[in-house]
Amino acid sequence: MSTRVLRTAARATAPATVTVVLILAAWIMVTALELVPEYVIPAPAAVLESLLVSWPDRLGPATALTGIETLLGIGIGVLVAVAVVVVSGYFPVVGRALTPLLVASQAIPVIVIGPLLTIALGYGIAPKVVVVALLCFFPVALNLLAGVRDVDARLIDTLRTLHASRRALFWRVRLPFAAPRGFAGLRVSVTFAPVAAVFAEYTGSTDGIGYLMLQSIPRLQTDFVFAQVIVLTLMSSLLLAAVTVLERLVCPWNTAHAGKAHA
């Protein structure tokens, strides 16, 4: 790795690193001076201790379950979104019919559906997966549908003069053009997906991070709650990083273009 690459990475990460350090310093100062009660904002050392002590038998298994719910929900939501877009690519009337419904559905908070899904599907993993899938489905589907329709008409007309079939236009032009917009929706979705799984666990569960939070908050175990929040933050960050890497692999033309524009 060249020195230039290291310098570029350092410049890119420096603002976020400084911000985190300042927040951590302020947190330590507030707790050290006892400006707020410990049950409101615990000391960082107490949070770290709670994280390490509870991880083997409580927080670790709960994180694994919430992670499985999140990954399954993301996978199902993306697969259904892509399937809807593919069908609309062959039958444009389907896309025109579904778009208003998808837009209107955004007015209904997905989390509100959680209790209904718990009643219908029980206290297992299924309702949590459905909540996460719904959260991921709508942004990805809307962005992909918009991207498929926004292809430059001149490009489509040129390819049609070359006798390109509808199938070729969709798979080689429309879908690749829409893919970056789909990833944009996916980046937003995966950031909130773990939180959606936790809220779904609030409505009825026997394990998971949401279940632990329900047990911890009434007991004022704030250090344990902070530890769970840190785990959720790391989970969202890892998912966002994974989607970013996946986008670079699937859409190299878009990332290359973005890099030139940045430069």
C-alpha atoms as a PDB file:
ATOM      1  CA  MET A   1       0.000   0.000   0.000  1.00  0.00           C
ATOM      2  CA  SER A   2       1.544   3.303  -1.105  1.00  0.00           C
ATOM      3  CA  THR A   3       2.101   6.338   1.066  1.00  0.00           C
ATOM      4  CA  ARG A   4      -0.307   8.311  -1.093  1.00  0.00           C
ATOM      5  CA  VAL A   5      -3.107   5.807  -0.436  1.00  0.00           C
ATOM      6  CA  LEU A   6      -2.425   5.943   3.303  1.00  0.00           C
ATOM      7  CA  ARG A   7      -2.528   9.727   3.281  1.00  0.00           C
ATOM      8  CA  THR A   8      -5.777   9.729   1.348  1.00  0.00           C
ATOM      9  CA  ALA A   9      -7.325   7.249   3.795  1.00  0.00           C
ATOM     10  CA  ALA A  10      -6.082   9.284   6.748  1.00  0.00           C
ATOM     11  CA  ARG A  11      -7.600  12.491   5.358  1.00  0.00           C
ATOM     12  CA  ALA A  12     -10.885  10.703   4.706  1.00  0.00           C
ATOM     13  CA  THR A  13     -11.162   9.207   8.184  1.00  0.00           C
ATOM     14  CA  ALA A  14      -9.668  12.079  10.202  1.00  0.00           C
ATOM     15  CA  PRO A  15     -12.911  14.112  10.671  1.00  0.00           C
ATOM     16  CA  ALA A  16     -14.885  11.098  11.898  1.00  0.00           C
ATOM     17  CA  THR A  17     -12.030   9.992  14.164  1.00  0.00           C
ATOM     18  CA  VAL A  18     -11.699  13.438  15.734  1.00  0.00           C
ATOM     19  CA  THR A  19     -15.458  13.606  16.265  1.00  0.00           C
ATOM     20  CA  VAL A  20     -15.521  10.225  18.018  1.00  0.00           C
ATOM     21  CA  VAL A  21     -12.579  11.179  20.228  1.00  0.00           C
ATOM     22  CA  LEU A  22     -14.236  14.466  21.224  1.00  0.00           C
ATOM     23  CA  ILE A  23     -17.520  12.735  22.045  1.00  0.00           C
ATOM     24  CA  LEU A  24     -15.709  10.109  24.113  1.00  0.00           C
ATOM     25  CA  ALA A  25     -13.722  12.799  25.951  1.00  0.00           C
ATOM     26  CA  ALA A  26     -16.899  14.734  26.735  1.00  0.00           C
ATOM     27  CA  TRP A  27     -18.564  11.526  27.923  1.00  0.00           C
ATOM     28  CA  ILE A  28     -15.657  10.735  30.256  1.00  0.00           C
ATOM     29  CA  MET A  29     -15.622  14.290  31.602  1.00  0.00           C
ATOM     30  CA  VAL A  30     -19.361  14.383  32.282  1.00  0.00           C
ATOM     31  CA  THR A  31     -19.305  11.092  34.164  1.00  0.00           C
ATOM     32  CA  ALA A  32     -16.052  11.827  36.017  1.00  0.00           C
ATOM     33  CA  LEU A  33     -17.391  15.162  37.305  1.00  0.00           C
ATOM     34  CA  GLU A  34     -20.739  13.497  38.150  1.00  0.00           C
ATOM     35  CA  LEU A  35     -22.671  16.163  36.258  1.00  0.00           C
ATOM     36  CA  VAL A  36     -25.477  13.683  35.632  1.00  0.00           C
ATOM     37  CA  PRO A  37     -26.635  10.653  37.637  1.00  0.00           C
ATOM     38  CA  GLU A  38     -24.939   7.371  36.793  1.00  0.00           C
ATOM     39  CA  TYR A  39     -28.266   5.727  35.979  1.00  0.00           C
ATOM     40  CA  VAL A  40     -28.767   8.329  33.222  1.00  0.00           C
ATOM     41  CA  ILE A  41     -25.288   8.286  31.660  1.00  0.00           C
ATOM     42  CA  PRO A  42     -22.973   5.571  32.963  1.00  0.00           C
ATOM     43  CA  ALA A  43     -19.192   5.847  32.757  1.00  0.00           C
ATOM     44  CA  PRO A  44     -17.527   4.376  29.636  1.00  0.00           C
ATOM     45  CA  ALA A  45     -15.599   1.940  31.839  1.00  0.00           C
ATOM     46  CA  ALA A  46     -18.862   0.645  33.334  1.00  0.00           C
ATOM     47  CA  VAL A  47     -20.347   0.191  29.851  1.00  0.00           C
ATOM     48  CA  LEU A  48     -17.269  -1.677  28.643  1.00  0.00           C
ATOM     49  CA  GLU A  49     -17.296  -3.899  31.716  1.00  0.00           C
ATOM     50  CA  SER A  50     -20.989  -4.665  31.234  1.00  0.00           C
ATOM     51  CA  LEU A  51     -20.333  -5.509  27.593  1.00  0.00           C
ATOM     52  CA  LEU A  52     -17.483  -7.889  28.368  1.00  0.00           C
ATOM     53  CA  VAL A  53     -19.148  -9.574  31.341  1.00  0.00           C
ATOM     54  CA  SER A  54     -22.525 -10.116  29.660  1.00  0.00           C
ATOM     55  CA  TRP A  55     -21.231 -11.124  26.228  1.00  0.00           C
ATOM     56  CA  PRO A  56     -20.570 -14.855  26.750  1.00  0.00           C
ATOM     57  CA  ASP A  57     -23.934 -15.896  28.179  1.00  0.00           C
ATOM     58  CA  ARG A  58     -26.416 -13.064  27.475  1.00  0.00           C
ATOM     59  CA  LEU A  59     -25.436 -10.364  25.009  1.00  0.00           C
ATOM     60  CA  GLY A  60     -23.531 -12.603  22.602  1.00  0.00           C
ATOM     61  CA  PRO A  61     -26.389 -15.080  21.959  1.00  0.00           C
ATOM     62  CA  ALA A  62     -28.905 -12.224  21.805  1.00  0.00           C
ATOM     63  CA  THR A  63     -26.746 -10.414  19.256  1.00  0.00           C
ATOM     64  CA  ALA A  64     -26.473 -13.576  17.167  1.00  0.00           C
ATOM     65  CA  LEU A  65     -30.258 -13.969  17.094  1.00  0.00           C
ATOM     66  CA  THR A  66     -30.898 -10.320  16.222  1.00  0.00           C
ATOM     67  CA  GLY A  67     -28.188 -10.549  13.566  1.00  0.00           C
ATOM     68  CA  ILE A  68     -29.801 -13.616  11.989  1.00  0.00           C
ATOM     69  CA  GLU A  69     -33.184 -11.879  11.944  1.00  0.00           C
ATOM     70  CA  THR A  70     -31.602  -8.830  10.347  1.00  0.00           C
ATOM     71  CA  LEU A  71     -29.693 -10.715   7.651  1.00  0.00           C
ATOM     72  CA  LEU A  72     -32.661 -12.908   6.734  1.00  0.00           C
ATOM     73  CA  GLY A  73     -34.934  -9.874   6.548  1.00  0.00           C
ATOM     74  CA  ILE A  74     -32.485  -7.939   4.361  1.00  0.00           C
ATOM     75  CA  GLY A  75     -32.024 -10.905   2.041  1.00  0.00           C
ATOM     76  CA  ILE A  76     -35.751 -11.561   1.629  1.00  0.00           C
ATOM     77  CA  GLY A  77     -36.566  -7.867   1.196  1.00  0.00           C
ATOM     78  CA  VAL A  78     -33.926  -7.403  -1.513  1.00  0.00           C
ATOM     79  CA  LEU A  79     -34.894 -10.592  -3.358  1.00  0.00           C
ATOM     80  CA  VAL A  80     -38.573  -9.604  -3.445  1.00  0.00           C
ATOM     81  CA  ALA A  81     -37.686  -6.062  -4.542  1.00  0.00           C
ATOM     82  CA  VAL A  82     -35.518  -7.327  -7.403  1.00  0.00           C
ATOM     83  CA  ALA A  83     -38.233  -9.823  -8.414  1.00  0.00           C
ATOM     84  CA  VAL A  84     -40.831  -7.044  -8.561  1.00  0.00           C
ATOM     85  CA  VAL A  85     -38.512  -4.893 -10.681  1.00  0.00           C
ATOM     86  CA  VAL A  86     -37.745  -7.778 -13.048  1.00  0.00           C
ATOM     87  CA  VAL A  87     -41.454  -8.506 -13.517  1.00  0.00           C
ATOM     88  CA  SER A  88     -42.135  -4.815 -14.138  1.00  0.00           C
ATOM     89  CA  GLY A  89     -39.288  -4.799 -16.664  1.00  0.00           C
ATOM     90  CA  TYR A  90     -41.081  -7.406 -18.770  1.00  0.00           C
ATOM     91  CA  PHE A  91     -44.528  -6.022 -17.992  1.00  0.00           C
ATOM     92  CA  PRO A  92     -44.230  -2.215 -17.524  1.00  0.00           C
ATOM     93  CA  VAL A  93     -47.879  -1.976 -16.500  1.00  0.00           C
ATOM     94  CA  VAL A  94     -46.976  -3.854 -13.313  1.00  0.00           C
ATOM     95  CA  GLY A  95     -44.426  -1.207 -12.388  1.00  0.00           C
ATOM     96  CA  ARG A  96     -46.852   1.623 -13.112  1.00  0.00           C
ATOM     97  CA  ALA A  97     -49.506  -0.101 -11.006  1.00  0.00           C
ATOM     98  CA  LEU A  98     -47.226  -0.817  -8.044  1.00  0.00           C
ATOM     99  CA  THR A  99     -45.372   2.498  -7.817  1.00  0.00           C
ATOM    100  CA  PRO A 100     -48.278   4.517  -6.331  1.00  0.00           C
ATOM    101  CA  LEU A 101     -48.938   1.726  -3.837  1.00  0.00           C
ATOM    102  CA  LEU A 102     -45.286   1.613  -2.815  1.00  0.00           C
ATOM    103  CA  VAL A 103     -45.190   5.384  -2.344  1.00  0.00           C
ATOM    104  CA  ALA A 104     -48.422   5.351  -0.315  1.00  0.00           C
ATOM    105  CA  SER A 105     -47.146   2.488   1.830  1.00  0.00           C
ATOM    106  CA  GLN A 106     -44.307   4.705   3.070  1.00  0.00           C
ATOM    107  CA  ALA A 107     -46.869   6.605   5.140  1.00  0.00           C
ATOM    108  CA  ILE A 108     -47.418   3.458   7.243  1.00  0.00           C
ATOM    109  CA  PRO A 109     -44.603   2.943   9.787  1.00  0.00           C
ATOM    110  CA  VAL A 110     -43.321  -0.599   9.381  1.00  0.00           C
ATOM    111  CA  ILE A 111     -42.789  -0.866  13.137  1.00  0.00           C
ATOM    112  CA  VAL A 112     -46.528  -0.433  13.729  1.00  0.00           C
ATOM    113  CA  ILE A 113     -47.130  -3.663  11.814  1.00  0.00           C
ATOM    114  CA  GLY A 114     -44.993  -5.563  14.337  1.00  0.00           C
ATOM    115  CA  PRO A 115     -47.751  -6.318  16.871  1.00  0.00           C
ATOM    116  CA  LEU A 116     -50.065  -7.554  14.115  1.00  0.00           C
ATOM    117  CA  LEU A 117     -47.346  -9.826  12.767  1.00  0.00           C
ATOM    118  CA  THR A 118     -46.665 -11.149  16.261  1.00  0.00           C
ATOM    119  CA  ILE A 119     -50.337 -12.031  16.644  1.00  0.00           C
ATOM    120  CA  ALA A 120     -50.370 -13.748  13.263  1.00  0.00           C
ATOM    121  CA  LEU A 121     -46.960 -15.461  13.300  1.00  0.00           C
ATOM    122  CA  GLY A 122     -46.220 -15.933  16.991  1.00  0.00           C
ATOM    123  CA  TYR A 123     -43.230 -15.040  19.150  1.00  0.00           C
ATOM    124  CA  GLY A 124     -40.580 -16.734  17.028  1.00  0.00           C
ATOM    125  CA  ILE A 125     -38.211 -15.352  14.452  1.00  0.00           C
ATOM    126  CA  ALA A 126     -40.752 -15.017  11.628  1.00  0.00           C
ATOM    127  CA  PRO A 127     -42.414 -11.662  12.528  1.00  0.00           C
ATOM    128  CA  LYS A 128     -39.020 -10.007  13.105  1.00  0.00           C
ATOM    129  CA  VAL A 129     -37.764 -11.197   9.718  1.00  0.00           C
ATOM    130  CA  VAL A 130     -40.905  -9.887   8.024  1.00  0.00           C
ATOM    131  CA  VAL A 131     -40.547  -6.459   9.670  1.00  0.00           C
ATOM    132  CA  VAL A 132     -36.931  -6.138   8.504  1.00  0.00           C
ATOM    133  CA  ALA A 133     -37.857  -7.425   5.030  1.00  0.00           C
ATOM    134  CA  LEU A 134     -40.594  -4.804   4.693  1.00  0.00           C
ATOM    135  CA  LEU A 135     -38.211  -2.085   5.822  1.00  0.00           C
ATOM    136  CA  CYS A 136     -35.665  -3.102   3.178  1.00  0.00           C
ATOM    137  CA  PHE A 137     -38.126  -3.893   0.407  1.00  0.00           C
ATOM    138  CA  PHE A 138     -39.688  -0.470  -0.086  1.00  0.00           C
ATOM    139  CA  PRO A 139     -36.557   1.723  -0.496  1.00  0.00           C
ATOM    140  CA  VAL A 140     -34.826  -0.802  -2.741  1.00  0.00           C
ATOM    141  CA  ALA A 141     -37.895  -1.419  -4.909  1.00  0.00           C
ATOM    142  CA  LEU A 142     -38.732   2.283  -5.276  1.00  0.00           C
ATOM    143  CA  ASN A 143     -35.177   3.229  -6.188  1.00  0.00           C
ATOM    144  CA  LEU A 144     -34.806   0.370  -8.663  1.00  0.00           C
ATOM    145  CA  LEU A 145     -38.140   1.133 -10.347  1.00  0.00           C
ATOM    146  CA  ALA A 146     -37.209   4.792 -10.657  1.00  0.00           C
ATOM    147  CA  GLY A 147     -33.786   3.909 -12.032  1.00  0.00           C
ATOM    148  CA  VAL A 148     -35.201   1.490 -14.599  1.00  0.00           C
ATOM    149  CA  ARG A 149     -37.515   4.205 -15.917  1.00  0.00           C
ATOM    150  CA  ASP A 150     -34.919   6.993 -15.902  1.00  0.00           C
ATOM    151  CA  VAL A 151     -32.590   5.487 -18.504  1.00  0.00           C
ATOM    152  CA  ASP A 152     -31.708   7.988 -21.223  1.00  0.00           C
ATOM    153  CA  ALA A 153     -34.355   7.617 -23.924  1.00  0.00           C
ATOM    154  CA  ARG A 154     -31.779   8.319 -26.648  1.00  0.00           C
ATOM    155  CA  LEU A 155     -29.736   5.318 -25.552  1.00  0.00           C
ATOM    156  CA  ILE A 156     -32.819   3.085 -25.660  1.00  0.00           C
ATOM    157  CA  ASP A 157     -33.783   4.391 -29.122  1.00  0.00           C
ATOM    158  CA  THR A 158     -30.253   3.791 -30.407  1.00  0.00           C
ATOM    159  CA  LEU A 159     -30.240   0.201 -29.186  1.00  0.00           C
ATOM    160  CA  ARG A 160     -33.688  -0.397 -30.640  1.00  0.00           C
ATOM    161  CA  THR A 161     -32.410   0.693 -34.046  1.00  0.00           C
ATOM    162  CA  LEU A 162     -29.833  -2.065 -33.619  1.00  0.00           C
ATOM    163  CA  HIS A 163     -32.721  -4.508 -33.069  1.00  0.00           C
ATOM    164  CA  ALA A 164     -32.042  -5.057 -29.362  1.00  0.00           C
ATOM    165  CA  SER A 165     -34.785  -7.126 -27.737  1.00  0.00           C
ATOM    166  CA  ARG A 166     -36.759  -6.033 -24.694  1.00  0.00           C
ATOM    167  CA  ARG A 167     -34.938  -8.656 -22.648  1.00  0.00           C
ATOM    168  CA  ALA A 168     -31.528  -7.342 -23.732  1.00  0.00           C
ATOM    169  CA  LEU A 169     -32.556  -3.748 -23.020  1.00  0.00           C
ATOM    170  CA  PHE A 170     -33.667  -4.654 -19.524  1.00  0.00           C
ATOM    171  CA  TRP A 171     -30.763  -6.875 -18.446  1.00  0.00           C
ATOM    172  CA  ARG A 172     -27.942  -5.012 -20.198  1.00  0.00           C
ATOM    173  CA  VAL A 173     -29.112  -1.404 -19.928  1.00  0.00           C
ATOM    174  CA  ARG A 174     -32.026  -0.695 -17.623  1.00  0.00           C
ATOM    175  CA  LEU A 175     -31.100  -2.908 -14.665  1.00  0.00           C
ATOM    176  CA  PRO A 176     -27.360  -2.003 -14.649  1.00  0.00           C
ATOM    177  CA  PHE A 177     -28.338   1.677 -14.870  1.00  0.00           C
ATOM    178  CA  ALA A 178     -30.751   1.276 -11.939  1.00  0.00           C
ATOM    179  CA  ALA A 179     -28.412  -0.840  -9.770  1.00  0.00           C
ATOM    180  CA  PRO A 180     -26.567   2.108  -8.135  1.00  0.00           C
ATOM    181  CA  ARG A 181     -29.887   3.645  -7.135  1.00  0.00           C
ATOM    182  CA  GLY A 182     -30.963   0.314  -5.701  1.00  0.00           C
ATOM    183  CA  PHE A 183     -27.777   0.180  -3.643  1.00  0.00           C
ATOM    184  CA  ALA A 184     -28.473   3.707  -2.421  1.00  0.00           C
ATOM    185  CA  GLY A 185     -31.805   2.496  -1.063  1.00  0.00           C
ATOM    186  CA  LEU A 186     -30.148  -0.598   0.372  1.00  0.00           C
ATOM    187  CA  ARG A 187     -27.547   1.487   2.224  1.00  0.00           C
ATOM    188  CA  VAL A 188     -30.330   3.389   3.962  1.00  0.00           C
ATOM    189  CA  SER A 189     -32.204   0.175   4.728  1.00  0.00           C
ATOM    190  CA  VAL A 190     -29.338  -1.788   6.270  1.00  0.00           C
ATOM    191  CA  THR A 191     -28.504   1.132   8.554  1.00  0.00           C
ATOM    192  CA  PHE A 192     -31.915   0.877  10.208  1.00  0.00           C
ATOM    193  CA  ALA A 193     -32.464  -2.865   9.788  1.00  0.00           C
ATOM    194  CA  PRO A 194     -30.973  -3.912  13.178  1.00  0.00           C
ATOM    195  CA  VAL A 195     -33.067  -1.266  14.930  1.00  0.00           C
ATOM    196  CA  ALA A 196     -36.169  -2.546  13.131  1.00  0.00           C
ATOM    197  CA  ALA A 197     -35.396  -6.064  14.348  1.00  0.00           C
ATOM    198  CA  VAL A 198     -35.062  -4.761  17.920  1.00  0.00           C
ATOM    199  CA  PHE A 199     -38.372  -2.910  17.744  1.00  0.00           C
ATOM    200  CA  ALA A 200     -39.997  -6.055  16.369  1.00  0.00           C
ATOM    201  CA  GLU A 201     -38.595  -7.942  19.356  1.00  0.00           C
ATOM    202  CA  TYR A 202     -40.229  -5.367  21.629  1.00  0.00           C
ATOM    203  CA  THR A 203     -43.648  -6.524  20.459  1.00  0.00           C
ATOM    204  CA  GLY A 204     -43.085 -10.091  21.576  1.00  0.00           C
ATOM    205  CA  SER A 205     -39.967 -12.209  21.960  1.00  0.00           C
ATOM    206  CA  THR A 206     -38.118 -14.460  24.355  1.00  0.00           C
ATOM    207  CA  ASP A 207     -34.591 -13.549  23.242  1.00  0.00           C
ATOM    208  CA  GLY A 208     -32.643 -11.007  21.235  1.00  0.00           C
ATOM    209  CA  ILE A 209     -31.312  -7.531  21.955  1.00  0.00           C
ATOM    210  CA  GLY A 210     -34.824  -6.076  22.083  1.00  0.00           C
ATOM    211  CA  TYR A 211     -35.807  -8.596  24.747  1.00  0.00           C
ATOM    212  CA  LEU A 212     -32.718  -7.723  26.811  1.00  0.00           C
ATOM    213  CA  MET A 213     -33.537  -4.026  26.552  1.00  0.00           C
ATOM    214  CA  LEU A 214     -37.055  -4.640  27.799  1.00  0.00           C
ATOM    215  CA  GLN A 215     -35.563  -6.428  30.798  1.00  0.00           C
ATOM    216  CA  SER A 216     -32.826  -3.855  31.458  1.00  0.00           C
ATOM    217  CA  ILE A 217     -34.606  -0.505  31.183  1.00  0.00           C
ATOM    218  CA  PRO A 218     -37.118  -0.997  34.054  1.00  0.00           C
ATOM    219  CA  ARG A 219     -34.240  -2.137  36.278  1.00  0.00           C
ATOM    220  CA  LEU A 220     -32.211   0.993  35.418  1.00  0.00           C
ATOM    221  CA  GLN A 221     -29.341  -1.133  34.116  1.00  0.00           C
ATOM    222  CA  THR A 222     -28.217   1.775  31.963  1.00  0.00           C
ATOM    223  CA  ASP A 223     -24.683   0.499  31.492  1.00  0.00           C
ATOM    224  CA  PHE A 224     -26.074  -2.707  29.975  1.00  0.00           C
ATOM    225  CA  VAL A 225     -28.440  -0.720  27.737  1.00  0.00           C
ATOM    226  CA  PHE A 226     -25.522   1.403  26.512  1.00  0.00           C
ATOM    227  CA  ALA A 227     -23.596  -1.784  25.773  1.00  0.00           C
ATOM    228  CA  GLN A 228     -26.478  -3.025  23.641  1.00  0.00           C
ATOM    229  CA  VAL A 229     -26.648   0.301  21.810  1.00  0.00           C
ATOM    230  CA  ILE A 230     -22.934   0.020  21.027  1.00  0.00           C
ATOM    231  CA  VAL A 231     -23.469  -3.484  19.640  1.00  0.00           C
ATOM    232  CA  LEU A 232     -26.343  -2.248  17.441  1.00  0.00           C
ATOM    233  CA  THR A 233     -24.212   0.632  16.198  1.00  0.00           C
ATOM    234  CA  LEU A 234     -21.390  -1.730  15.270  1.00  0.00           C
ATOM    235  CA  MET A 235     -23.864  -4.064  13.566  1.00  0.00           C
ATOM    236  CA  SER A 236     -25.274  -1.228  11.436  1.00  0.00           C
ATOM    237  CA  SER A 237     -21.763  -0.017  10.586  1.00  0.00           C
ATOM    238  CA  LEU A 238     -20.656  -3.485   9.488  1.00  0.00           C
ATOM    239  CA  LEU A 239     -23.747  -3.915   7.327  1.00  0.00           C
ATOM    240  CA  LEU A 240     -23.194  -0.517   5.714  1.00  0.00           C
ATOM    241  CA  ALA A 241     -19.556  -1.368   5.021  1.00  0.00           C
ATOM    242  CA  ALA A 242     -20.569  -4.727   3.536  1.00  0.00           C
ATOM    243  CA  VAL A 243     -23.103  -3.094   1.208  1.00  0.00           C
ATOM    244  CA  THR A 244     -20.508  -0.517   0.129  1.00  0.00           C
ATOM    245  CA  VAL A 245     -18.027  -3.268  -0.747  1.00  0.00           C
ATOM    246  CA  LEU A 246     -20.740  -5.228  -2.551  1.00  0.00           C
ATOM    247  CA  GLU A 247     -21.662  -2.165  -4.588  1.00  0.00           C
ATOM    248  CA  ARG A 248     -18.039  -1.750  -5.649  1.00  0.00           C
ATOM    249  CA  LEU A 249     -18.032  -5.363  -6.845  1.00  0.00           C
ATOM    250  CA  VAL A 250     -21.413  -5.282  -8.586  1.00  0.00           C
ATOM    251  CA  CYS A 251     -21.284  -1.730  -9.978  1.00  0.00           C
ATOM    252  CA  PRO A 252     -17.598  -0.958 -10.630  1.00  0.00           C
ATOM    253  CA  TRP A 253     -18.544   1.533 -13.326  1.00  0.00           C
ATOM    254  CA  ASN A 254     -20.491   3.639 -10.852  1.00  0.00           C
ATOM    255  CA  THR A 255     -17.769   3.704  -8.170  1.00  0.00           C
ATOM    256  CA  ALA A 256     -15.153   4.563 -10.779  1.00  0.00           C
ATOM    257  CA  HIS A 257     -17.294   7.433 -12.021  1.00  0.00           C
ATOM    258  CA  ALA A 258     -17.862   8.646  -8.469  1.00  0.00           C
ATOM    259  CA  GLY A 259     -14.126   8.545  -7.777  1.00  0.00           C
ATOM    260  CA  LYS A 260     -13.393  10.709 -10.854  1.00  0.00           C
ATOM    261  CA  ALA A 261     -16.100  13.152  -9.865  1.00  0.00           C
ATOM    262  CA  HIS A 262     -14.616  13.378  -6.348  1.00  0.00           C
ATOM    263  CA  ALA A 263     -11.176  14.018  -7.691  1.00  0.00           C
END
